[in-house]
């Protein structure tokens, strides 16, 4: 009988697998904002594990299957490959030497971090090994100068319309707005009477519109209820707002 030691490398593609809970290297934030006025964005990475990790970094334009260098993006990452020792951190810089993007609204890209583990030191030939190369993918927003309103005010301009069980949302602002939760309640801390499902998130583009199926769980109790919607801010936190349900129902 012949036994062999083998090593399997698996790349987890963001959007199919959620590997954030497994990753040893963390990014200081859930999104990256590249402000045109700053000419660069500085990202802090931290190795929270007990082993050194090699990281490959790249940006794509929305295709999660794109490999490093395959996407036509205006950004450069310095350095694109780094090693971080255990419990150490390192800053990387994203620059944009030549920008030809729209200046009247945000543009969306994705920052990728492939976390390559150290080579196993196991010497037992009879031991099978499974080693994971984990990929983290977060949004990168290019934000031009002088956009109106301020980003913290953008969610207040959203408009909603409810036709039967379809919730229509319009975003007149120049920003991408990401929802983390949409629910119907009487008040903030009362039980859920209805909700938009299939989260963790829905994102609406600048000057865009989206239609979401709204599940009414307690139709007999929604009189004078409110639509509560949570949006994610630049820092990864949530801002909560509400609209009276009877003000958005389309009766035509």
C-alpha atoms as a PDB file:
ATOM      1  CA  UNK A   1       0.000   0.000   0.000  1.00  0.00           C
ATOM      2  CA  UNK A   2       1.387   3.357  -1.037  1.00  0.00           C
ATOM      3  CA  UNK A   3       0.399   6.500   0.851  1.00  0.00           C
ATOM      4  CA  UNK A   4       1.075  10.022  -0.340  1.00  0.00           C
ATOM      5  CA  UNK A   5       0.875  13.385   1.335  1.00  0.00           C
ATOM      6  CA  UNK A   6      -0.978  15.928  -0.762  1.00  0.00           C
ATOM      7  CA  UNK A   7      -1.801  19.604  -0.553  1.00  0.00           C
ATOM      8  CA  UNK A   8      -4.987  21.116  -1.945  1.00  0.00           C
ATOM      9  CA  UNK A   9      -5.200  24.854  -2.575  1.00  0.00           C
ATOM     10  CA  UNK A  10      -8.752  26.193  -2.820  1.00  0.00           C
ATOM     11  CA  UNK A  11      -9.550  29.734  -3.864  1.00  0.00           C
ATOM     12  CA  UNK A  12     -12.898  30.825  -2.468  1.00  0.00           C
ATOM     13  CA  UNK A  13     -14.625  33.209  -4.838  1.00  0.00           C
ATOM     14  CA  UNK A  14     -16.413  36.066  -3.096  1.00  0.00           C
ATOM     15  CA  UNK A  15     -20.133  36.010  -3.751  1.00  0.00           C
ATOM     16  CA  UNK A  16     -20.215  32.211  -3.799  1.00  0.00           C
ATOM     17  CA  UNK A  17     -18.546  31.568  -0.468  1.00  0.00           C
ATOM     18  CA  UNK A  18     -18.380  33.832   2.552  1.00  0.00           C
ATOM     19  CA  UNK A  19     -14.824  33.400   3.805  1.00  0.00           C
ATOM     20  CA  UNK A  20     -14.519  36.531   5.961  1.00  0.00           C
ATOM     21  CA  UNK A  21     -15.012  34.534   9.145  1.00  0.00           C
ATOM     22  CA  UNK A  22     -12.075  32.284   8.181  1.00  0.00           C
ATOM     23  CA  UNK A  23      -9.625  34.935   7.021  1.00  0.00           C
ATOM     24  CA  UNK A  24      -6.645  35.682   9.255  1.00  0.00           C
ATOM     25  CA  UNK A  25      -5.813  38.997   7.584  1.00  0.00           C
ATOM     26  CA  UNK A  26      -8.296  41.829   8.092  1.00  0.00           C
ATOM     27  CA  UNK A  27      -8.942  45.108   6.289  1.00  0.00           C
ATOM     28  CA  UNK A  28      -9.722  48.238   8.317  1.00  0.00           C
ATOM     29  CA  UNK A  29     -13.236  48.686   6.973  1.00  0.00           C
ATOM     30  CA  UNK A  30     -15.955  47.030   4.949  1.00  0.00           C
ATOM     31  CA  UNK A  31     -15.517  49.370   1.960  1.00  0.00           C
ATOM     32  CA  UNK A  32     -12.903  51.660   0.458  1.00  0.00           C
ATOM     33  CA  UNK A  33     -13.666  55.253  -0.509  1.00  0.00           C
ATOM     34  CA  UNK A  34     -11.264  56.764  -3.022  1.00  0.00           C
ATOM     35  CA  UNK A  35     -11.828  60.513  -2.799  1.00  0.00           C
ATOM     36  CA  UNK A  36     -10.652  62.297  -5.938  1.00  0.00           C
ATOM     37  CA  UNK A  37      -9.421  65.271  -3.896  1.00  0.00           C
ATOM     38  CA  UNK A  38      -6.971  63.064  -1.964  1.00  0.00           C
ATOM     39  CA  UNK A  39      -5.273  61.492  -5.019  1.00  0.00           C
ATOM     40  CA  UNK A  40      -4.823  58.249  -3.119  1.00  0.00           C
ATOM     41  CA  UNK A  41      -6.435  55.923  -0.590  1.00  0.00           C
ATOM     42  CA  UNK A  42      -4.501  54.319   2.255  1.00  0.00           C
ATOM     43  CA  UNK A  43      -5.599  50.862   3.436  1.00  0.00           C
ATOM     44  CA  UNK A  44      -4.408  49.217   6.643  1.00  0.00           C
ATOM     45  CA  UNK A  45      -4.094  45.422   6.732  1.00  0.00           C
ATOM     46  CA  UNK A  46      -3.555  43.368   9.895  1.00  0.00           C
ATOM     47  CA  UNK A  47      -2.467  39.740  10.290  1.00  0.00           C
ATOM     48  CA  UNK A  48      -4.404  38.467  13.281  1.00  0.00           C
ATOM     49  CA  UNK A  49      -3.064  34.918  12.974  1.00  0.00           C
ATOM     50  CA  UNK A  50      -0.058  33.034  14.295  1.00  0.00           C
ATOM     51  CA  UNK A  51       1.631  32.450  10.927  1.00  0.00           C
ATOM     52  CA  UNK A  52       3.035  34.753   8.218  1.00  0.00           C
ATOM     53  CA  UNK A  53       0.860  35.269   5.143  1.00  0.00           C
ATOM     54  CA  UNK A  54       1.646  36.244   1.580  1.00  0.00           C
ATOM     55  CA  UNK A  55      -1.005  38.548   0.091  1.00  0.00           C
ATOM     56  CA  UNK A  56      -1.762  39.242  -3.555  1.00  0.00           C
ATOM     57  CA  UNK A  57      -3.795  42.413  -4.088  1.00  0.00           C
ATOM     58  CA  UNK A  58      -5.680  43.642  -7.145  1.00  0.00           C
ATOM     59  CA  UNK A  59      -8.749  45.621  -8.260  1.00  0.00           C
ATOM     60  CA  UNK A  60     -11.445  44.481 -10.672  1.00  0.00           C
ATOM     61  CA  UNK A  61     -14.280  46.315 -12.392  1.00  0.00           C
ATOM     62  CA  UNK A  62     -17.093  44.031 -11.277  1.00  0.00           C
ATOM     63  CA  UNK A  63     -16.175  40.612 -12.641  1.00  0.00           C
ATOM     64  CA  UNK A  64     -15.424  38.373  -9.631  1.00  0.00           C
ATOM     65  CA  UNK A  65     -13.675  35.849 -11.914  1.00  0.00           C
ATOM     66  CA  UNK A  66     -11.150  38.396 -13.210  1.00  0.00           C
ATOM     67  CA  UNK A  67      -7.567  37.587 -12.316  1.00  0.00           C
ATOM     68  CA  UNK A  68      -4.931  40.183 -11.414  1.00  0.00           C
ATOM     69  CA  UNK A  69      -4.249  42.423 -14.402  1.00  0.00           C
ATOM     70  CA  UNK A  70      -7.258  41.286 -16.433  1.00  0.00           C
ATOM     71  CA  UNK A  71      -9.548  44.229 -15.578  1.00  0.00           C
ATOM     72  CA  UNK A  72      -9.188  47.647 -17.157  1.00  0.00           C
ATOM     73  CA  UNK A  73      -9.090  49.821 -14.045  1.00  0.00           C
ATOM     74  CA  UNK A  74      -7.436  53.225 -13.469  1.00  0.00           C
ATOM     75  CA  UNK A  75      -5.926  52.259 -10.115  1.00  0.00           C
ATOM     76  CA  UNK A  76      -2.514  51.056  -8.994  1.00  0.00           C
ATOM     77  CA  UNK A  77      -1.814  49.220  -5.733  1.00  0.00           C
ATOM     78  CA  UNK A  78       1.529  49.678  -4.017  1.00  0.00           C
ATOM     79  CA  UNK A  79       2.744  47.119  -3.185  1.00  0.00           C
ATOM     80  CA  UNK A  80       0.643  44.535  -5.098  1.00  0.00           C
ATOM     81  CA  UNK A  81       2.226  41.576  -3.278  1.00  0.00           C
ATOM     82  CA  UNK A  82       3.217  41.700   0.377  1.00  0.00           C
ATOM     83  CA  UNK A  83       4.111  39.450   3.278  1.00  0.00           C
ATOM     84  CA  UNK A  84       2.731  40.214   6.723  1.00  0.00           C
ATOM     85  CA  UNK A  85       4.174  38.530   9.788  1.00  0.00           C
ATOM     86  CA  UNK A  86       1.986  37.256  12.652  1.00  0.00           C
ATOM     87  CA  UNK A  87       0.165  39.964  14.619  1.00  0.00           C
ATOM     88  CA  UNK A  88       1.718  42.658  12.427  1.00  0.00           C
ATOM     89  CA  UNK A  89       0.141  45.231  10.161  1.00  0.00           C
ATOM     90  CA  UNK A  90       1.022  47.010   6.956  1.00  0.00           C
ATOM     91  CA  UNK A  91      -0.377  49.923   5.014  1.00  0.00           C
ATOM     92  CA  UNK A  92      -0.893  49.798   1.271  1.00  0.00           C
ATOM     93  CA  UNK A  93      -1.618  52.690  -1.070  1.00  0.00           C
ATOM     94  CA  UNK A  94      -4.077  52.887  -3.948  1.00  0.00           C
ATOM     95  CA  UNK A  95      -3.367  55.615  -6.489  1.00  0.00           C
ATOM     96  CA  UNK A  96      -4.979  56.718  -9.742  1.00  0.00           C
ATOM     97  CA  UNK A  97      -2.417  58.380 -12.033  1.00  0.00           C
ATOM     98  CA  UNK A  98      -4.868  59.051 -14.850  1.00  0.00           C
ATOM     99  CA  UNK A  99      -8.599  59.220 -14.146  1.00  0.00           C
ATOM    100  CA  UNK A 100     -11.143  59.374 -16.985  1.00  0.00           C
ATOM    101  CA  UNK A 101     -14.151  58.318 -14.919  1.00  0.00           C
ATOM    102  CA  UNK A 102     -17.477  60.211 -14.734  1.00  0.00           C
ATOM    103  CA  UNK A 103     -17.237  63.250 -12.475  1.00  0.00           C
ATOM    104  CA  UNK A 104     -20.969  63.676 -11.786  1.00  0.00           C
ATOM    105  CA  UNK A 105     -21.408  60.413  -9.864  1.00  0.00           C
ATOM    106  CA  UNK A 106     -19.558  57.645  -8.059  1.00  0.00           C
ATOM    107  CA  UNK A 107     -18.007  54.690  -9.887  1.00  0.00           C
ATOM    108  CA  UNK A 108     -17.826  51.194  -8.405  1.00  0.00           C
ATOM    109  CA  UNK A 109     -14.853  48.812  -8.388  1.00  0.00           C
ATOM    110  CA  UNK A 110     -13.779  45.899  -6.179  1.00  0.00           C
ATOM    111  CA  UNK A 111     -10.637  45.447  -4.089  1.00  0.00           C
ATOM    112  CA  UNK A 112      -9.363  41.851  -3.887  1.00  0.00           C
ATOM    113  CA  UNK A 113      -7.046  40.318  -1.316  1.00  0.00           C
ATOM    114  CA  UNK A 114      -5.851  36.746  -1.824  1.00  0.00           C
ATOM    115  CA  UNK A 115      -4.491  35.348   1.423  1.00  0.00           C
ATOM    116  CA  UNK A 116      -1.918  32.617   0.709  1.00  0.00           C
ATOM    117  CA  UNK A 117      -1.018  30.520   3.771  1.00  0.00           C
ATOM    118  CA  UNK A 118       2.515  29.386   4.583  1.00  0.00           C
ATOM    119  CA  UNK A 119       3.708  26.053   3.254  1.00  0.00           C
ATOM    120  CA  UNK A 120       2.887  23.218   5.608  1.00  0.00           C
ATOM    121  CA  UNK A 121       5.745  21.848   7.693  1.00  0.00           C
ATOM    122  CA  UNK A 122       4.085  18.471   8.227  1.00  0.00           C
ATOM    123  CA  UNK A 123       6.445  15.567   7.492  1.00  0.00           C
ATOM    124  CA  UNK A 124       4.101  12.642   8.033  1.00  0.00           C
ATOM    125  CA  UNK A 125       3.649  11.113   4.571  1.00  0.00           C
ATOM    126  CA  UNK A 126       0.418   9.450   5.640  1.00  0.00           C
ATOM    127  CA  UNK A 127      -1.234  12.721   6.577  1.00  0.00           C
ATOM    128  CA  UNK A 128      -3.565  14.325   4.072  1.00  0.00           C
ATOM    129  CA  UNK A 129      -3.567  18.108   4.260  1.00  0.00           C
ATOM    130  CA  UNK A 130      -6.190  20.658   3.268  1.00  0.00           C
ATOM    131  CA  UNK A 131      -4.891  24.203   2.953  1.00  0.00           C
ATOM    132  CA  UNK A 132      -7.035  27.176   1.975  1.00  0.00           C
ATOM    133  CA  UNK A 133      -6.063  30.270   0.033  1.00  0.00           C
ATOM    134  CA  UNK A 134      -8.814  32.686   1.025  1.00  0.00           C
ATOM    135  CA  UNK A 135      -9.984  35.624  -1.052  1.00  0.00           C
ATOM    136  CA  UNK A 136     -11.610  38.712   0.424  1.00  0.00           C
ATOM    137  CA  UNK A 137     -13.405  41.129  -1.917  1.00  0.00           C
ATOM    138  CA  UNK A 138     -14.724  44.533  -0.815  1.00  0.00           C
ATOM    139  CA  UNK A 139     -16.260  47.469  -2.657  1.00  0.00           C
ATOM    140  CA  UNK A 140     -14.102  50.375  -3.790  1.00  0.00           C
ATOM    141  CA  UNK A 141     -15.988  53.583  -4.596  1.00  0.00           C
ATOM    142  CA  UNK A 142     -14.368  56.327  -6.655  1.00  0.00           C
ATOM    143  CA  UNK A 143     -15.916  59.565  -5.398  1.00  0.00           C
ATOM    144  CA  UNK A 144     -15.449  62.739  -7.495  1.00  0.00           C
ATOM    145  CA  UNK A 145     -15.197  66.186  -5.964  1.00  0.00           C
ATOM    146  CA  UNK A 146     -18.124  68.487  -5.182  1.00  0.00           C
ATOM    147  CA  UNK A 147     -20.949  65.977  -5.317  1.00  0.00           C
ATOM    148  CA  UNK A 148     -24.272  67.191  -3.898  1.00  0.00           C
ATOM    149  CA  UNK A 149     -25.643  66.394  -1.359  1.00  0.00           C
ATOM    150  CA  UNK A 150     -23.060  65.253   1.164  1.00  0.00           C
ATOM    151  CA  UNK A 151     -22.790  61.439   1.266  1.00  0.00           C
ATOM    152  CA  UNK A 152     -24.251  61.260   4.777  1.00  0.00           C
ATOM    153  CA  UNK A 153     -27.412  62.927   3.473  1.00  0.00           C
ATOM    154  CA  UNK A 154     -27.922  60.830   0.346  1.00  0.00           C
ATOM    155  CA  UNK A 155     -30.194  58.183   1.889  1.00  0.00           C
ATOM    156  CA  UNK A 156     -32.694  60.872   2.910  1.00  0.00           C
ATOM    157  CA  UNK A 157     -33.510  61.538  -0.748  1.00  0.00           C
ATOM    158  CA  UNK A 158     -34.527  57.957  -1.552  1.00  0.00           C
ATOM    159  CA  UNK A 159     -38.118  57.571  -2.713  1.00  0.00           C
ATOM    160  CA  UNK A 160     -40.231  54.466  -2.187  1.00  0.00           C
ATOM    161  CA  UNK A 161     -43.393  53.154  -3.790  1.00  0.00           C
ATOM    162  CA  UNK A 162     -45.263  49.996  -2.777  1.00  0.00           C
ATOM    163  CA  UNK A 163     -47.476  48.286  -5.354  1.00  0.00           C
ATOM    164  CA  UNK A 164     -48.992  45.111  -3.909  1.00  0.00           C
ATOM    165  CA  UNK A 165     -45.876  43.257  -2.740  1.00  0.00           C
ATOM    166  CA  UNK A 166     -43.279  45.033  -4.930  1.00  0.00           C
ATOM    167  CA  UNK A 167     -41.265  47.799  -3.297  1.00  0.00           C
ATOM    168  CA  UNK A 168     -39.784  50.241  -5.835  1.00  0.00           C
ATOM    169  CA  UNK A 169     -36.839  52.359  -4.720  1.00  0.00           C
ATOM    170  CA  UNK A 170     -35.396  55.326  -6.615  1.00  0.00           C
ATOM    171  CA  UNK A 171     -32.046  56.906  -5.835  1.00  0.00           C
ATOM    172  CA  UNK A 172     -31.747  60.472  -7.220  1.00  0.00           C
ATOM    173  CA  UNK A 173     -28.328  60.970  -5.607  1.00  0.00           C
ATOM    174  CA  UNK A 174     -24.875  60.564  -7.239  1.00  0.00           C
ATOM    175  CA  UNK A 175     -23.888  57.883  -4.688  1.00  0.00           C
ATOM    176  CA  UNK A 176     -24.205  54.127  -4.456  1.00  0.00           C
ATOM    177  CA  UNK A 177     -26.468  53.299  -1.511  1.00  0.00           C
ATOM    178  CA  UNK A 178     -26.346  49.896   0.142  1.00  0.00           C
ATOM    179  CA  UNK A 179     -29.214  48.550   2.229  1.00  0.00           C
ATOM    180  CA  UNK A 180     -28.529  46.094   5.024  1.00  0.00           C
ATOM    181  CA  UNK A 181     -32.141  45.699   6.132  1.00  0.00           C
ATOM    182  CA  UNK A 182     -35.653  46.711   5.034  1.00  0.00           C
ATOM    183  CA  UNK A 183     -38.543  45.892   7.387  1.00  0.00           C
ATOM    184  CA  UNK A 184     -42.091  46.861   8.267  1.00  0.00           C
ATOM    185  CA  UNK A 185     -42.731  47.523  11.938  1.00  0.00           C
ATOM    186  CA  UNK A 186     -45.074  49.627  14.009  1.00  0.00           C
ATOM    187  CA  UNK A 187     -42.055  51.195  15.700  1.00  0.00           C
ATOM    188  CA  UNK A 188     -38.329  50.534  15.897  1.00  0.00           C
ATOM    189  CA  UNK A 189     -38.433  47.822  18.562  1.00  0.00           C
ATOM    190  CA  UNK A 190     -41.746  46.112  17.815  1.00  0.00           C
ATOM    191  CA  UNK A 191     -42.129  42.828  15.958  1.00  0.00           C
ATOM    192  CA  UNK A 192     -41.469  42.497  12.228  1.00  0.00           C
ATOM    193  CA  UNK A 193     -44.664  42.631  10.174  1.00  0.00           C
ATOM    194  CA  UNK A 194     -42.960  42.335   6.794  1.00  0.00           C
ATOM    195  CA  UNK A 195     -39.537  42.512   5.194  1.00  0.00           C
ATOM    196  CA  UNK A 196     -37.417  42.390   2.071  1.00  0.00           C
ATOM    197  CA  UNK A 197     -35.611  39.077   2.152  1.00  0.00           C
ATOM    198  CA  UNK A 198     -32.543  37.613   0.419  1.00  0.00           C
ATOM    199  CA  UNK A 199     -30.168  39.869   2.273  1.00  0.00           C
ATOM    200  CA  UNK A 200     -27.255  40.410   3.428  1.00  0.00           C
ATOM    201  CA  UNK A 201     -27.522  43.402   1.111  1.00  0.00           C
ATOM    202  CA  UNK A 202     -29.029  45.177  -1.871  1.00  0.00           C
ATOM    203  CA  UNK A 203     -27.271  48.100  -3.525  1.00  0.00           C
ATOM    204  CA  UNK A 204     -28.828  50.792  -5.701  1.00  0.00           C
ATOM    205  CA  UNK A 205     -26.722  52.709  -8.219  1.00  0.00           C
ATOM    206  CA  UNK A 206     -26.574  56.505  -8.599  1.00  0.00           C
ATOM    207  CA  UNK A 207     -29.744  57.783 -10.323  1.00  0.00           C
ATOM    208  CA  UNK A 208     -30.898  54.182 -10.322  1.00  0.00           C
ATOM    209  CA  UNK A 209     -34.074  52.284  -9.516  1.00  0.00           C
ATOM    210  CA  UNK A 210     -34.617  48.815  -8.093  1.00  0.00           C
ATOM    211  CA  UNK A 211     -37.650  46.660  -7.411  1.00  0.00           C
ATOM    212  CA  UNK A 212     -37.657  44.375  -4.397  1.00  0.00           C
ATOM    213  CA  UNK A 213     -40.225  41.746  -3.375  1.00  0.00           C
ATOM    214  CA  UNK A 214     -41.666  42.660   0.012  1.00  0.00           C
ATOM    215  CA  UNK A 215     -43.027  39.802   2.099  1.00  0.00           C
ATOM    216  CA  UNK A 216     -45.947  40.834   4.332  1.00  0.00           C
ATOM    217  CA  UNK A 217     -45.961  38.501   7.325  1.00  0.00           C
ATOM    218  CA  UNK A 218     -48.776  40.134   9.283  1.00  0.00           C
ATOM    219  CA  UNK A 219     -51.112  41.828   6.726  1.00  0.00           C
ATOM    220  CA  UNK A 220     -53.830  42.435   9.304  1.00  0.00           C
ATOM    221  CA  UNK A 221     -51.475  44.502  11.487  1.00  0.00           C
ATOM    222  CA  UNK A 222     -49.776  46.860   9.038  1.00  0.00           C
ATOM    223  CA  UNK A 223     -52.249  49.700   9.552  1.00  0.00           C
ATOM    224  CA  UNK A 224     -50.211  52.761  10.551  1.00  0.00           C
ATOM    225  CA  UNK A 225     -46.988  50.763  10.315  1.00  0.00           C
ATOM    226  CA  UNK A 226     -43.665  52.160   9.089  1.00  0.00           C
ATOM    227  CA  UNK A 227     -41.075  51.082   6.560  1.00  0.00           C
ATOM    228  CA  UNK A 228     -37.688  50.974   8.312  1.00  0.00           C
ATOM    229  CA  UNK A 229     -34.610  50.838   6.095  1.00  0.00           C
ATOM    230  CA  UNK A 230     -30.990  50.532   7.183  1.00  0.00           C
ATOM    231  CA  UNK A 231     -28.213  51.808   4.916  1.00  0.00           C
ATOM    232  CA  UNK A 232     -24.480  51.234   5.316  1.00  0.00           C
ATOM    233  CA  UNK A 233     -22.361  54.368   5.703  1.00  0.00           C
ATOM    234  CA  UNK A 234     -18.745  55.049   4.695  1.00  0.00           C
ATOM    235  CA  UNK A 235     -17.468  53.569   7.940  1.00  0.00           C
ATOM    236  CA  UNK A 236     -19.373  50.285   7.699  1.00  0.00           C
ATOM    237  CA  UNK A 237     -21.940  51.312  10.288  1.00  0.00           C
ATOM    238  CA  UNK A 238     -25.683  51.518   9.744  1.00  0.00           C
ATOM    239  CA  UNK A 239     -27.988  54.511   9.505  1.00  0.00           C
ATOM    240  CA  UNK A 240     -31.673  53.839  10.187  1.00  0.00           C
ATOM    241  CA  UNK A 241     -34.545  55.791   8.695  1.00  0.00           C
ATOM    242  CA  UNK A 242     -38.279  55.255   8.381  1.00  0.00           C
ATOM    243  CA  UNK A 243     -41.228  56.236   6.236  1.00  0.00           C
ATOM    244  CA  UNK A 244     -44.933  55.804   7.080  1.00  0.00           C
ATOM    245  CA  UNK A 245     -46.177  52.853   5.070  1.00  0.00           C
ATOM    246  CA  UNK A 246     -49.384  54.562   4.018  1.00  0.00           C
ATOM    247  CA  UNK A 247     -47.335  57.354   2.383  1.00  0.00           C
ATOM    248  CA  UNK A 248     -45.671  55.002  -0.123  1.00  0.00           C
ATOM    249  CA  UNK A 249     -48.529  52.667  -1.056  1.00  0.00           C
ATOM    250  CA  UNK A 250     -49.499  53.000  -4.707  1.00  0.00           C
ATOM    251  CA  UNK A 251     -53.265  52.608  -4.879  1.00  0.00           C
ATOM    252  CA  UNK A 252     -53.532  53.058  -8.681  1.00  0.00           C
END
